[in-house]
C-alpha cells in the first residue's frame, strides 16, 4: 500500500493532462480503490473530485 501523499500525487498527475478520457478516469478510480482504505477521508475527497471531473468531461 502506498502512502496517502504518494496516491494524491499520482492522482494529480493523472488528472493534470488536458486530454482526459474514460481510461484516465478508470485508472484514477482503480488507484483510489486499491491504494486507499474505504474509510479514508482522502479517498472520499478524491472520489468526489473524480466524479466532478468526469461530469465536466462528458459535458464538453
PDB file of N, CA and C in Angstrom:
ATOM      1  N   UNK A   1       0.842  -1.181   0.000  1.00  0.00           N
ATOM      2  CA  UNK A   1       0.000   0.000   0.000  1.00  0.00           C
ATOM      3  C   UNK A   1       0.891   1.249   0.000  1.00  0.00           C
ATOM      4  N   UNK A   2       0.539   2.198  -0.829  1.00  0.00           N
ATOM      5  CA  UNK A   2       1.280   3.448  -0.933  1.00  0.00           C
ATOM      6  C   UNK A   2       0.826   4.421   0.150  1.00  0.00           C
ATOM      7  N   UNK A   3       1.640   5.430   0.385  1.00  0.00           N
ATOM      8  CA  UNK A   3       1.235   6.461   1.336  1.00  0.00           C
ATOM      9  C   UNK A   3       0.149   7.336   0.700  1.00  0.00           C
ATOM     10  N   UNK A   4      -0.615   8.005   1.535  1.00  0.00           N
ATOM     11  CA  UNK A   4      -1.658   8.896   1.016  1.00  0.00           C
ATOM     12  C   UNK A   4      -1.060  10.010   0.169  1.00  0.00           C
ATOM     13  N   UNK A   5       0.080  10.492   0.571  1.00  0.00           N
ATOM     14  CA  UNK A   5       0.755  11.546  -0.193  1.00  0.00           C
ATOM     15  C   UNK A   5       1.127  11.060  -1.591  1.00  0.00           C
ATOM     16  N   UNK A   6       1.639   9.861  -1.681  1.00  0.00           N
ATOM     17  CA  UNK A   6       2.016   9.291  -2.980  1.00  0.00           C
ATOM     18  C   UNK A   6       0.783   9.084  -3.851  1.00  0.00           C
ATOM     19  N   UNK A   7      -0.280   8.575  -3.258  1.00  0.00           N
ATOM     20  CA  UNK A   7      -1.523   8.355  -4.004  1.00  0.00           C
ATOM     21  C   UNK A   7      -2.063   9.686  -4.527  1.00  0.00           C
ATOM     22  N   UNK A   8      -2.052  10.704  -3.685  1.00  0.00           N
ATOM     23  CA  UNK A   8      -2.552  12.006  -4.116  1.00  0.00           C
ATOM     24  C   UNK A   8      -1.702  12.567  -5.259  1.00  0.00           C
ATOM     25  N   UNK A   9      -0.392  12.425  -5.167  1.00  0.00           N
ATOM     26  CA  UNK A   9       0.488  12.892  -6.241  1.00  0.00           C
ATOM     27  C   UNK A   9       0.227  12.138  -7.543  1.00  0.00           C
ATOM     28  N   UNK A  10       0.049  10.835  -7.456  1.00  0.00           N
ATOM     29  CA  UNK A  10      -0.246  10.038  -8.650  1.00  0.00           C
ATOM     30  C   UNK A  10      -1.590  10.434  -9.252  1.00  0.00           C
ATOM     31  N   UNK A  11      -2.578  10.675  -8.399  1.00  0.00           N
ATOM     32  CA  UNK A  11      -3.895  11.110  -8.850  1.00  0.00           C
ATOM     33  C   UNK A  11      -3.780  12.450  -9.579  1.00  0.00           C
ATOM     34  N   UNK A  12      -3.052  13.382  -8.985  1.00  0.00           N
ATOM     35  CA  UNK A  12      -2.882  14.716  -9.604  1.00  0.00           C
ATOM     36  C   UNK A  12      -2.195  14.607 -10.965  1.00  0.00           C
ATOM     37  N   UNK A  13      -1.219  13.733 -11.076  1.00  0.00           N
ATOM     38  CA  UNK A  13      -0.531  13.541 -12.361  1.00  0.00           C
ATOM     39  C   UNK A  13      -1.500  13.008 -13.414  1.00  0.00           C
ATOM     40  N   UNK A  14      -2.333  12.068 -13.028  1.00  0.00           N
ATOM     41  CA  UNK A  14      -3.320  11.528 -13.970  1.00  0.00           C
ATOM     42  C   UNK A  14      -4.300  12.614 -14.427  1.00  0.00           C
ATOM     43  N   UNK A  15      -4.722  13.458 -13.506  1.00  0.00           N
ATOM     44  CA  UNK A  15      -5.732  14.466 -13.821  1.00  0.00           C
ATOM     45  C   UNK A  15      -5.136  15.728 -14.452  1.00  0.00           C
ATOM     46  N   UNK A  16      -3.830  15.828 -14.444  1.00  0.00           N
ATOM     47  CA  UNK A  16      -3.171  17.024 -14.974  1.00  0.00           C
ATOM     48  C   UNK A  16      -3.327  17.152 -16.490  1.00  0.00           C
ATOM     49  N   UNK A  17      -3.397  16.056 -17.179  1.00  0.00           N
ATOM     50  CA  UNK A  17      -3.463  16.073 -18.637  1.00  0.00           C
ATOM     51  C   UNK A  17      -4.776  16.700 -19.130  1.00  0.00           C
ATOM     52  N   UNK A  18      -4.689  17.419 -20.213  1.00  0.00           N
ATOM     53  CA  UNK A  18      -5.868  18.080 -20.780  1.00  0.00           C
ATOM     54  C   UNK A  18      -6.775  17.099 -21.515  1.00  0.00           C
ATOM     55  N   UNK A  19      -6.199  16.047 -22.079  1.00  0.00           N
ATOM     56  CA  UNK A  19      -6.987  15.096 -22.869  1.00  0.00           C
ATOM     57  C   UNK A  19      -7.392  13.881 -22.032  1.00  0.00           C
ATOM     58  N   UNK A  20      -8.100  14.158 -20.943  1.00  0.00           N
ATOM     59  CA  UNK A  20      -8.594  13.085 -20.085  1.00  0.00           C
ATOM     60  C   UNK A  20      -9.691  12.322 -20.820  1.00  0.00           C
ATOM     61  N   UNK A  21      -9.623  10.999 -20.727  1.00  0.00           N
ATOM     62  CA  UNK A  21     -10.666  10.171 -21.316  1.00  0.00           C
ATOM     63  C   UNK A  21     -11.125   9.154 -20.283  1.00  0.00           C
ATOM     64  N   UNK A  22     -12.042   8.286 -20.671  1.00  0.00           N
ATOM     65  CA  UNK A  22     -12.593   7.317 -19.725  1.00  0.00           C
ATOM     66  C   UNK A  22     -11.507   6.408 -19.163  1.00  0.00           C
ATOM     67  N   UNK A  23     -10.519   6.082 -19.954  1.00  0.00           N
ATOM     68  CA  UNK A  23      -9.418   5.244 -19.476  1.00  0.00           C
ATOM     69  C   UNK A  23      -8.645   5.941 -18.347  1.00  0.00           C
ATOM     70  N   UNK A  24      -8.426   7.233 -18.480  1.00  0.00           N
ATOM     71  CA  UNK A  24      -7.748   8.008 -17.435  1.00  0.00           C
ATOM     72  C   UNK A  24      -8.567   7.989 -16.149  1.00  0.00           C
ATOM     73  N   UNK A  25      -9.869   8.183 -16.276  1.00  0.00           N
ATOM     74  CA  UNK A  25     -10.742   8.174 -15.107  1.00  0.00           C
ATOM     75  C   UNK A  25     -10.762   6.795 -14.441  1.00  0.00           C
ATOM     76  N   UNK A  26     -10.759   5.752 -15.241  1.00  0.00           N
ATOM     77  CA  UNK A  26     -10.752   4.395 -14.695  1.00  0.00           C
ATOM     78  C   UNK A  26      -9.448   4.100 -13.955  1.00  0.00           C
ATOM     79  N   UNK A  27      -8.329   4.564 -14.497  1.00  0.00           N
ATOM     80  CA  UNK A  27      -7.034   4.383 -13.814  1.00  0.00           C
ATOM     81  C   UNK A  27      -7.031   5.099 -12.469  1.00  0.00           C
ATOM     82  N   UNK A  28      -7.561   6.310 -12.454  1.00  0.00           N
ATOM     83  CA  UNK A  28      -7.612   7.080 -11.210  1.00  0.00           C
ATOM     84  C   UNK A  28      -8.523   6.393 -10.198  1.00  0.00           C
ATOM     85  N   UNK A  29      -9.657   5.908 -10.658  1.00  0.00           N
ATOM     86  CA  UNK A  29     -10.594   5.222  -9.772  1.00  0.00           C
ATOM     87  C   UNK A  29      -9.959   3.950  -9.192  1.00  0.00           C
ATOM     88  N   UNK A  30      -9.269   3.198 -10.018  1.00  0.00           N
ATOM     89  CA  UNK A  30      -8.599   1.982  -9.550  1.00  0.00           C
ATOM     90  C   UNK A  30      -7.514   2.322  -8.524  1.00  0.00           C
ATOM     91  N   UNK A  31      -6.774   3.387  -8.785  1.00  0.00           N
ATOM     92  CA  UNK A  31      -5.739   3.825  -7.848  1.00  0.00           C
ATOM     93  C   UNK A  31      -6.342   4.077  -6.465  1.00  0.00           C
ATOM     94  N   UNK A  32      -7.450   4.796  -6.434  1.00  0.00           N
ATOM     95  CA  UNK A  32      -8.090   5.110  -5.161  1.00  0.00           C
ATOM     96  C   UNK A  32      -8.626   3.862  -4.471  1.00  0.00           C
ATOM     97  N   UNK A  33      -9.234   2.976  -5.246  1.00  0.00           N
ATOM     98  CA  UNK A  33      -9.825   1.768  -4.665  1.00  0.00           C
ATOM     99  C   UNK A  33      -8.768   0.807  -4.129  1.00  0.00           C
ATOM    100  N   UNK A  34      -7.658   0.688  -4.826  1.00  0.00           N
ATOM    101  CA  UNK A  34      -6.632  -0.284  -4.448  1.00  0.00           C
ATOM    102  C   UNK A  34      -5.725   0.240  -3.339  1.00  0.00           C
ATOM    103  N   UNK A  35      -5.386   1.503  -3.402  1.00  0.00           N
ATOM    104  CA  UNK A  35      -4.348   2.029  -2.521  1.00  0.00           C
ATOM    105  C   UNK A  35      -4.846   2.734  -1.260  1.00  0.00           C
ATOM    106  N   UNK A  36      -6.129   3.071  -1.204  1.00  0.00           N
ATOM    107  CA  UNK A  36      -6.633   3.777  -0.025  1.00  0.00           C
ATOM    108  C   UNK A  36      -7.729   2.972   0.663  1.00  0.00           C
ATOM    109  N   UNK A  37      -7.721   3.008   1.973  1.00  0.00           N
ATOM    110  CA  UNK A  37      -8.749   2.327   2.759  1.00  0.00           C
ATOM    111  C   UNK A  37     -10.124   2.938   2.454  1.00  0.00           C
ATOM    112  N   UNK A  38     -11.170   2.129   2.505  1.00  0.00           N
ATOM    113  CA  UNK A  38     -12.520   2.651   2.225  1.00  0.00           C
ATOM    114  C   UNK A  38     -12.927   3.813   3.126  1.00  0.00           C
ATOM    115  N   UNK A  39     -12.441   3.840   4.363  1.00  0.00           N
ATOM    116  CA  UNK A  39     -12.832   4.907   5.302  1.00  0.00           C
ATOM    117  C   UNK A  39     -11.923   6.136   5.230  1.00  0.00           C
ATOM    118  N   UNK A  40     -10.952   6.121   4.319  1.00  0.00           N
ATOM    119  CA  UNK A  40     -10.002   7.221   4.209  1.00  0.00           C
ATOM    120  C   UNK A  40     -10.685   8.520   3.756  1.00  0.00           C
ATOM    121  N   UNK A  41     -10.488   9.621   4.490  1.00  0.00           N
ATOM    122  CA  UNK A  41     -11.034  10.914   4.053  1.00  0.00           C
ATOM    123  C   UNK A  41     -10.462  11.344   2.698  1.00  0.00           C
ATOM    124  N   UNK A  42      -9.202  11.008   2.451  1.00  0.00           N
ATOM    125  CA  UNK A  42      -8.597  11.353   1.161  1.00  0.00           C
ATOM    126  C   UNK A  42      -9.298  10.599   0.037  1.00  0.00           C
ATOM    127  N   UNK A  43      -9.598   9.344   0.257  1.00  0.00           N
ATOM    128  CA  UNK A  43     -10.302   8.558  -0.768  1.00  0.00           C
ATOM    129  C   UNK A  43     -11.649   9.195  -1.075  1.00  0.00           C
ATOM    130  N   UNK A  44     -12.370   9.579  -0.037  1.00  0.00           N
ATOM    131  CA  UNK A  44     -13.674  10.213  -0.244  1.00  0.00           C
ATOM    132  C   UNK A  44     -13.525  11.521  -1.036  1.00  0.00           C
ATOM    133  N   UNK A  45     -12.588  12.354  -0.626  1.00  0.00           N
ATOM    134  CA  UNK A  45     -12.396  13.655  -1.277  1.00  0.00           C
ATOM    135  C   UNK A  45     -12.008  13.496  -2.745  1.00  0.00           C
ATOM    136  N   UNK A  46     -11.061  12.593  -3.025  1.00  0.00           N
ATOM    137  CA  UNK A  46     -10.612  12.405  -4.406  1.00  0.00           C
ATOM    138  C   UNK A  46     -11.669  11.721  -5.266  1.00  0.00           C
ATOM    139  N   UNK A  47     -12.485  10.868  -4.657  1.00  0.00           N
ATOM    140  CA  UNK A  47     -13.570  10.230  -5.394  1.00  0.00           C
ATOM    141  C   UNK A  47     -14.600  11.272  -5.825  1.00  0.00           C
ATOM    142  N   UNK A  48     -14.920  12.185  -4.933  1.00  0.00           N
ATOM    143  CA  UNK A  48     -15.858  13.270  -5.267  1.00  0.00           C
ATOM    144  C   UNK A  48     -15.262  14.144  -6.383  1.00  0.00           C
ATOM    145  N   UNK A  49     -13.990  14.472  -6.254  1.00  0.00           N
ATOM    146  CA  UNK A  49     -13.318  15.282  -7.274  1.00  0.00           C
ATOM    147  C   UNK A  49     -13.308  14.553  -8.618  1.00  0.00           C
ATOM    148  N   UNK A  50     -13.042  13.267  -8.584  1.00  0.00           N
ATOM    149  CA  UNK A  50     -13.014  12.470  -9.809  1.00  0.00           C
ATOM    150  C   UNK A  50     -14.375  12.488 -10.498  1.00  0.00           C
ATOM    151  N   UNK A  51     -15.432  12.330  -9.736  1.00  0.00           N
ATOM    152  CA  UNK A  51     -16.779  12.353 -10.308  1.00  0.00           C
ATOM    153  C   UNK A  51     -17.107  13.724 -10.910  1.00  0.00           C
ATOM    154  N   UNK A  52     -16.669  14.794 -10.260  1.00  0.00           N
ATOM    155  CA  UNK A  52     -16.901  16.138 -10.801  1.00  0.00           C
ATOM    156  C   UNK A  52     -16.154  16.322 -12.114  1.00  0.00           C
ATOM    157  N   UNK A  53     -14.910  15.858 -12.164  1.00  0.00           N
ATOM    158  CA  UNK A  53     -14.119  15.971 -13.398  1.00  0.00           C
ATOM    159  C   UNK A  53     -14.709  15.119 -14.515  1.00  0.00           C
ATOM    160  N   UNK A  54     -15.196  13.951 -14.158  1.00  0.00           N
ATOM    161  CA  UNK A  54     -15.822  13.066 -15.139  1.00  0.00           C
ATOM    162  C   UNK A  54     -17.076  13.729 -15.714  1.00  0.00           C
ATOM    163  N   UNK A  55     -17.873  14.357 -14.855  1.00  0.00           N
ATOM    164  CA  UNK A  55     -19.081  15.053 -15.297  1.00  0.00           C
ATOM    165  C   UNK A  55     -18.728  16.204 -16.230  1.00  0.00           C
ATOM    166  N   UNK A  56     -17.713  16.976 -15.868  1.00  0.00           N
ATOM    167  CA  UNK A  56     -17.290  18.085 -16.730  1.00  0.00           C
ATOM    168  C   UNK A  56     -16.799  17.584 -18.083  1.00  0.00           C
ATOM    169  N   UNK A  57     -16.097  16.471 -18.099  1.00  0.00           N
ATOM    170  CA  UNK A  57     -15.573  15.923 -19.353  1.00  0.00           C
ATOM    171  C   UNK A  57     -16.692  15.454 -20.271  1.00  0.00           C
ATOM    172  N   UNK A  58     -17.765  14.922 -19.702  1.00  0.00           N
ATOM    173  CA  UNK A  58     -18.858  14.455 -20.535  1.00  0.00           C
ATOM    174  C   UNK A  58     -19.693  15.609 -21.082  1.00  0.00           C
ATOM    175  N   UNK A  59     -19.665  16.752 -20.395  1.00  0.00           N
ATOM    176  CA  UNK A  59     -20.400  17.928 -20.865  1.00  0.00           C
ATOM    177  C   UNK A  59     -19.694  18.622 -22.025  1.00  0.00           C
ATOM    178  N   UNK A  60     -18.389  18.421 -22.113  1.00  0.00           N
ATOM    179  CA  UNK A  60     -17.608  19.099 -23.161  1.00  0.00           C
ATOM    180  C   UNK A  60     -17.747  18.441 -24.511  1.00  0.00           C
TER     181      UNK A  60
END
